[in-house]
């Protein structure tokens, strides 16, 4: 019996390709950091838990030795990201920090906004105008660049819970 090596090689290549395609659904949630895949599964850099409420009323997550607080002005839709110390006191946002916010609205629409340095108020922070008045509930991924490193943080926003009226 003669074995055809070319035929075996083709079967191995085809099998490997089919295995790769079959395993793709198991990897898409962790591969896509944002955009259409704002699923529940998170990447290692976005596993910080929303464990505190910051001094501005938003959820705060652990970020190194500090915290990040995510806030939204319901009427204007403005997003503001504050850096907090270990005691949850606002501290200046380093000038080297920048970021992008990927918004997934409850109605299925999506929006991406760039965080810019904000200096109004007691400390510098990062802010972005969404252009959405009377903003409702949404999921968001904040992709924060700190020097050469980038980290993703996930937040769920519900205005009824966070509104200050």
C-alpha atoms as a PDB file:
ATOM      1  CA  UNK A   1       0.000   0.000   0.000  1.00  0.00           C
ATOM      2  CA  UNK A   2       1.425   3.297  -1.106  1.00  0.00           C
ATOM      3  CA  UNK A   3       0.778   6.423   0.999  1.00  0.00           C
ATOM      4  CA  UNK A   4       0.343   9.677  -0.872  1.00  0.00           C
ATOM      5  CA  UNK A   5       2.100  12.336   1.257  1.00  0.00           C
ATOM      6  CA  UNK A   6       0.632  15.207  -0.752  1.00  0.00           C
ATOM      7  CA  UNK A   7      -2.888  13.992  -0.030  1.00  0.00           C
ATOM      8  CA  UNK A   8      -2.173  13.633   3.702  1.00  0.00           C
ATOM      9  CA  UNK A   9      -0.680  17.137   3.820  1.00  0.00           C
ATOM     10  CA  UNK A  10      -3.763  18.579   2.148  1.00  0.00           C
ATOM     11  CA  UNK A  11      -6.028  16.842   4.690  1.00  0.00           C
ATOM     12  CA  UNK A  12      -3.933  18.171   7.592  1.00  0.00           C
ATOM     13  CA  UNK A  13      -4.036  21.724   6.234  1.00  0.00           C
ATOM     14  CA  UNK A  14      -7.782  21.521   5.561  1.00  0.00           C
ATOM     15  CA  UNK A  15      -8.410  20.069   9.045  1.00  0.00           C
ATOM     16  CA  UNK A  16      -6.365  22.813  10.704  1.00  0.00           C
ATOM     17  CA  UNK A  17      -8.284  25.466   8.811  1.00  0.00           C
ATOM     18  CA  UNK A  18     -11.650  23.946   9.773  1.00  0.00           C
ATOM     19  CA  UNK A  19     -10.568  23.728  13.433  1.00  0.00           C
ATOM     20  CA  UNK A  20      -9.554  27.408  13.366  1.00  0.00           C
ATOM     21  CA  UNK A  21     -12.930  28.408  11.939  1.00  0.00           C
ATOM     22  CA  UNK A  22     -14.810  26.255  14.437  1.00  0.00           C
ATOM     23  CA  UNK A  23     -12.982  27.808  17.412  1.00  0.00           C
ATOM     24  CA  UNK A  24     -13.467  31.415  16.246  1.00  0.00           C
ATOM     25  CA  UNK A  25     -16.753  32.011  18.154  1.00  0.00           C
ATOM     26  CA  UNK A  26     -15.001  31.124  21.410  1.00  0.00           C
ATOM     27  CA  UNK A  27     -12.389  33.848  20.892  1.00  0.00           C
ATOM     28  CA  UNK A  28     -14.347  36.769  19.459  1.00  0.00           C
ATOM     29  CA  UNK A  29     -15.546  38.176  22.806  1.00  0.00           C
ATOM     30  CA  UNK A  30     -12.008  38.491  24.176  1.00  0.00           C
ATOM     31  CA  UNK A  31     -10.407  39.519  20.878  1.00  0.00           C
ATOM     32  CA  UNK A  32     -12.713  42.476  20.244  1.00  0.00           C
ATOM     33  CA  UNK A  33     -11.995  45.048  22.952  1.00  0.00           C
ATOM     34  CA  UNK A  34     -14.799  47.326  21.808  1.00  0.00           C
ATOM     35  CA  UNK A  35     -16.982  48.194  18.834  1.00  0.00           C
ATOM     36  CA  UNK A  36     -19.663  45.652  18.066  1.00  0.00           C
ATOM     37  CA  UNK A  37     -18.453  43.242  20.724  1.00  0.00           C
ATOM     38  CA  UNK A  38     -19.102  44.946  24.073  1.00  0.00           C
ATOM     39  CA  UNK A  39     -19.960  41.580  25.594  1.00  0.00           C
ATOM     40  CA  UNK A  40     -19.756  40.539  29.198  1.00  0.00           C
ATOM     41  CA  UNK A  41     -16.407  38.773  28.876  1.00  0.00           C
ATOM     42  CA  UNK A  42     -13.523  41.136  29.476  1.00  0.00           C
ATOM     43  CA  UNK A  43      -9.848  41.239  28.616  1.00  0.00           C
ATOM     44  CA  UNK A  44      -7.257  40.995  31.431  1.00  0.00           C
ATOM     45  CA  UNK A  45      -6.685  44.767  31.331  1.00  0.00           C
ATOM     46  CA  UNK A  46     -10.382  45.544  31.791  1.00  0.00           C
ATOM     47  CA  UNK A  47     -11.204  43.321  34.757  1.00  0.00           C
ATOM     48  CA  UNK A  48     -11.337  46.106  37.318  1.00  0.00           C
ATOM     49  CA  UNK A  49     -14.577  45.981  39.254  1.00  0.00           C
ATOM     50  CA  UNK A  50     -16.867  48.958  39.752  1.00  0.00           C
ATOM     51  CA  UNK A  51     -16.463  48.816  43.488  1.00  0.00           C
ATOM     52  CA  UNK A  52     -16.878  52.390  44.699  1.00  0.00           C
ATOM     53  CA  UNK A  53     -18.797  55.554  43.968  1.00  0.00           C
ATOM     54  CA  UNK A  54     -16.493  58.488  43.360  1.00  0.00           C
ATOM     55  CA  UNK A  55     -16.871  61.999  44.772  1.00  0.00           C
ATOM     56  CA  UNK A  56     -18.557  63.160  41.537  1.00  0.00           C
ATOM     57  CA  UNK A  57     -21.248  60.448  41.789  1.00  0.00           C
ATOM     58  CA  UNK A  58     -19.875  58.082  39.148  1.00  0.00           C
ATOM     59  CA  UNK A  59     -18.609  54.515  39.408  1.00  0.00           C
ATOM     60  CA  UNK A  60     -14.916  54.285  40.307  1.00  0.00           C
ATOM     61  CA  UNK A  61     -12.606  51.419  39.357  1.00  0.00           C
ATOM     62  CA  UNK A  62      -9.182  50.518  40.700  1.00  0.00           C
ATOM     63  CA  UNK A  63      -6.415  51.749  38.420  1.00  0.00           C
ATOM     64  CA  UNK A  64      -2.950  50.865  39.714  1.00  0.00           C
ATOM     65  CA  UNK A  65      -2.570  52.620  43.087  1.00  0.00           C
ATOM     66  CA  UNK A  66      -5.364  55.027  42.150  1.00  0.00           C
ATOM     67  CA  UNK A  67      -8.951  54.942  40.877  1.00  0.00           C
ATOM     68  CA  UNK A  68     -10.737  56.168  37.753  1.00  0.00           C
ATOM     69  CA  UNK A  69     -14.190  57.704  38.090  1.00  0.00           C
ATOM     70  CA  UNK A  70     -16.546  57.714  35.095  1.00  0.00           C
ATOM     71  CA  UNK A  71     -19.239  60.414  35.069  1.00  0.00           C
ATOM     72  CA  UNK A  72     -21.856  61.571  32.578  1.00  0.00           C
ATOM     73  CA  UNK A  73     -23.846  64.794  32.535  1.00  0.00           C
ATOM     74  CA  UNK A  74     -27.333  63.509  31.653  1.00  0.00           C
ATOM     75  CA  UNK A  75     -28.627  66.691  29.961  1.00  0.00           C
ATOM     76  CA  UNK A  76     -25.565  67.441  27.800  1.00  0.00           C
ATOM     77  CA  UNK A  77     -24.239  63.894  27.364  1.00  0.00           C
ATOM     78  CA  UNK A  78     -20.724  65.026  28.332  1.00  0.00           C
ATOM     79  CA  UNK A  79     -18.460  62.257  29.641  1.00  0.00           C
ATOM     80  CA  UNK A  80     -15.818  63.158  32.241  1.00  0.00           C
ATOM     81  CA  UNK A  81     -13.113  60.804  33.528  1.00  0.00           C
ATOM     82  CA  UNK A  82     -11.462  61.752  36.851  1.00  0.00           C
ATOM     83  CA  UNK A  83      -8.282  60.325  38.384  1.00  0.00           C
ATOM     84  CA  UNK A  84      -8.671  59.696  42.122  1.00  0.00           C
ATOM     85  CA  UNK A  85      -6.126  58.790  44.777  1.00  0.00           C
ATOM     86  CA  UNK A  86      -6.491  55.783  47.105  1.00  0.00           C
ATOM     87  CA  UNK A  87      -8.774  57.856  49.364  1.00  0.00           C
ATOM     88  CA  UNK A  88     -11.012  58.752  46.378  1.00  0.00           C
ATOM     89  CA  UNK A  89      -9.885  62.390  46.312  1.00  0.00           C
ATOM     90  CA  UNK A  90      -9.556  63.927  42.829  1.00  0.00           C
ATOM     91  CA  UNK A  91      -5.972  64.423  41.660  1.00  0.00           C
ATOM     92  CA  UNK A  92      -4.674  66.022  38.434  1.00  0.00           C
ATOM     93  CA  UNK A  93      -4.804  63.847  35.312  1.00  0.00           C
ATOM     94  CA  UNK A  94      -1.256  63.486  33.909  1.00  0.00           C
ATOM     95  CA  UNK A  95      -0.774  65.308  30.613  1.00  0.00           C
ATOM     96  CA  UNK A  96       0.461  62.099  28.965  1.00  0.00           C
ATOM     97  CA  UNK A  97      -2.954  60.409  29.445  1.00  0.00           C
ATOM     98  CA  UNK A  98      -5.363  60.276  26.497  1.00  0.00           C
ATOM     99  CA  UNK A  99      -8.184  58.031  25.451  1.00  0.00           C
ATOM    100  CA  UNK A 100     -11.138  57.000  23.376  1.00  0.00           C
ATOM    101  CA  UNK A 101     -14.645  56.068  24.535  1.00  0.00           C
ATOM    102  CA  UNK A 102     -16.655  53.428  22.651  1.00  0.00           C
ATOM    103  CA  UNK A 103     -20.363  53.816  23.429  1.00  0.00           C
ATOM    104  CA  UNK A 104     -22.971  51.103  22.849  1.00  0.00           C
ATOM    105  CA  UNK A 105     -26.417  52.683  23.427  1.00  0.00           C
ATOM    106  CA  UNK A 106     -29.392  50.690  24.687  1.00  0.00           C
ATOM    107  CA  UNK A 107     -31.149  51.203  21.316  1.00  0.00           C
ATOM    108  CA  UNK A 108     -28.254  49.460  19.500  1.00  0.00           C
ATOM    109  CA  UNK A 109     -26.626  52.598  18.093  1.00  0.00           C
ATOM    110  CA  UNK A 110     -22.887  53.062  18.556  1.00  0.00           C
ATOM    111  CA  UNK A 111     -20.671  56.101  18.891  1.00  0.00           C
ATOM    112  CA  UNK A 112     -16.946  56.716  19.378  1.00  0.00           C
ATOM    113  CA  UNK A 113     -15.630  59.889  21.012  1.00  0.00           C
ATOM    114  CA  UNK A 114     -12.110  61.058  21.818  1.00  0.00           C
ATOM    115  CA  UNK A 115     -11.245  62.154  25.341  1.00  0.00           C
ATOM    116  CA  UNK A 116      -9.629  65.593  25.546  1.00  0.00           C
ATOM    117  CA  UNK A 117      -7.882  67.278  28.417  1.00  0.00           C
ATOM    118  CA  UNK A 118     -10.258  69.310  30.562  1.00  0.00           C
ATOM    119  CA  UNK A 119      -8.949  71.937  32.956  1.00  0.00           C
ATOM    120  CA  UNK A 120     -12.114  73.616  34.242  1.00  0.00           C
ATOM    121  CA  UNK A 121     -12.873  72.763  37.839  1.00  0.00           C
ATOM    122  CA  UNK A 122     -10.602  71.912  40.749  1.00  0.00           C
ATOM    123  CA  UNK A 123      -8.385  69.366  38.884  1.00  0.00           C
ATOM    124  CA  UNK A 124      -7.507  68.462  35.329  1.00  0.00           C
ATOM    125  CA  UNK A 125      -9.419  65.503  33.879  1.00  0.00           C
ATOM    126  CA  UNK A 126     -10.348  63.905  30.544  1.00  0.00           C
ATOM    127  CA  UNK A 127     -13.670  64.783  28.892  1.00  0.00           C
ATOM    128  CA  UNK A 128     -15.622  64.143  25.707  1.00  0.00           C
ATOM    129  CA  UNK A 129     -18.790  65.564  24.178  1.00  0.00           C
ATOM    130  CA  UNK A 130     -21.081  62.775  22.958  1.00  0.00           C
ATOM    131  CA  UNK A 131     -23.481  65.128  21.203  1.00  0.00           C
ATOM    132  CA  UNK A 132     -26.380  63.136  22.673  1.00  0.00           C
ATOM    133  CA  UNK A 133     -28.781  65.311  24.684  1.00  0.00           C
ATOM    134  CA  UNK A 134     -30.733  63.614  27.489  1.00  0.00           C
ATOM    135  CA  UNK A 135     -28.428  60.609  27.178  1.00  0.00           C
ATOM    136  CA  UNK A 136     -29.971  57.350  28.332  1.00  0.00           C
ATOM    137  CA  UNK A 137     -28.517  54.051  29.480  1.00  0.00           C
ATOM    138  CA  UNK A 138     -25.471  52.661  27.697  1.00  0.00           C
ATOM    139  CA  UNK A 139     -22.449  50.394  27.966  1.00  0.00           C
ATOM    140  CA  UNK A 140     -19.046  51.888  27.375  1.00  0.00           C
ATOM    141  CA  UNK A 141     -15.439  50.858  26.962  1.00  0.00           C
ATOM    142  CA  UNK A 142     -12.936  53.534  27.929  1.00  0.00           C
ATOM    143  CA  UNK A 143      -9.611  52.847  26.225  1.00  0.00           C
ATOM    144  CA  UNK A 144      -7.102  54.864  28.233  1.00  0.00           C
ATOM    145  CA  UNK A 145      -3.565  55.431  26.979  1.00  0.00           C
ATOM    146  CA  UNK A 146      -1.038  56.127  29.728  1.00  0.00           C
ATOM    147  CA  UNK A 147       2.261  56.858  28.022  1.00  0.00           C
ATOM    148  CA  UNK A 148       3.018  53.786  25.909  1.00  0.00           C
ATOM    149  CA  UNK A 149       0.506  51.523  27.695  1.00  0.00           C
ATOM    150  CA  UNK A 150      -3.188  51.178  26.840  1.00  0.00           C
ATOM    151  CA  UNK A 151      -5.835  49.772  29.205  1.00  0.00           C
ATOM    152  CA  UNK A 152      -9.555  49.194  28.694  1.00  0.00           C
ATOM    153  CA  UNK A 153     -12.210  49.792  31.337  1.00  0.00           C
ATOM    154  CA  UNK A 154     -15.888  48.875  31.039  1.00  0.00           C
ATOM    155  CA  UNK A 155     -18.734  50.818  32.583  1.00  0.00           C
ATOM    156  CA  UNK A 156     -22.520  50.506  32.477  1.00  0.00           C
ATOM    157  CA  UNK A 157     -24.340  53.829  32.771  1.00  0.00           C
ATOM    158  CA  UNK A 158     -27.960  54.262  33.831  1.00  0.00           C
ATOM    159  CA  UNK A 159     -29.053  57.886  34.333  1.00  0.00           C
ATOM    160  CA  UNK A 160     -31.866  57.035  36.758  1.00  0.00           C
ATOM    161  CA  UNK A 161     -29.284  55.631  39.173  1.00  0.00           C
ATOM    162  CA  UNK A 162     -26.679  58.355  38.670  1.00  0.00           C
ATOM    163  CA  UNK A 163     -28.712  61.534  37.996  1.00  0.00           C
ATOM    164  CA  UNK A 164     -28.169  64.411  40.452  1.00  0.00           C
ATOM    165  CA  UNK A 165     -31.448  66.243  40.255  1.00  0.00           C
END
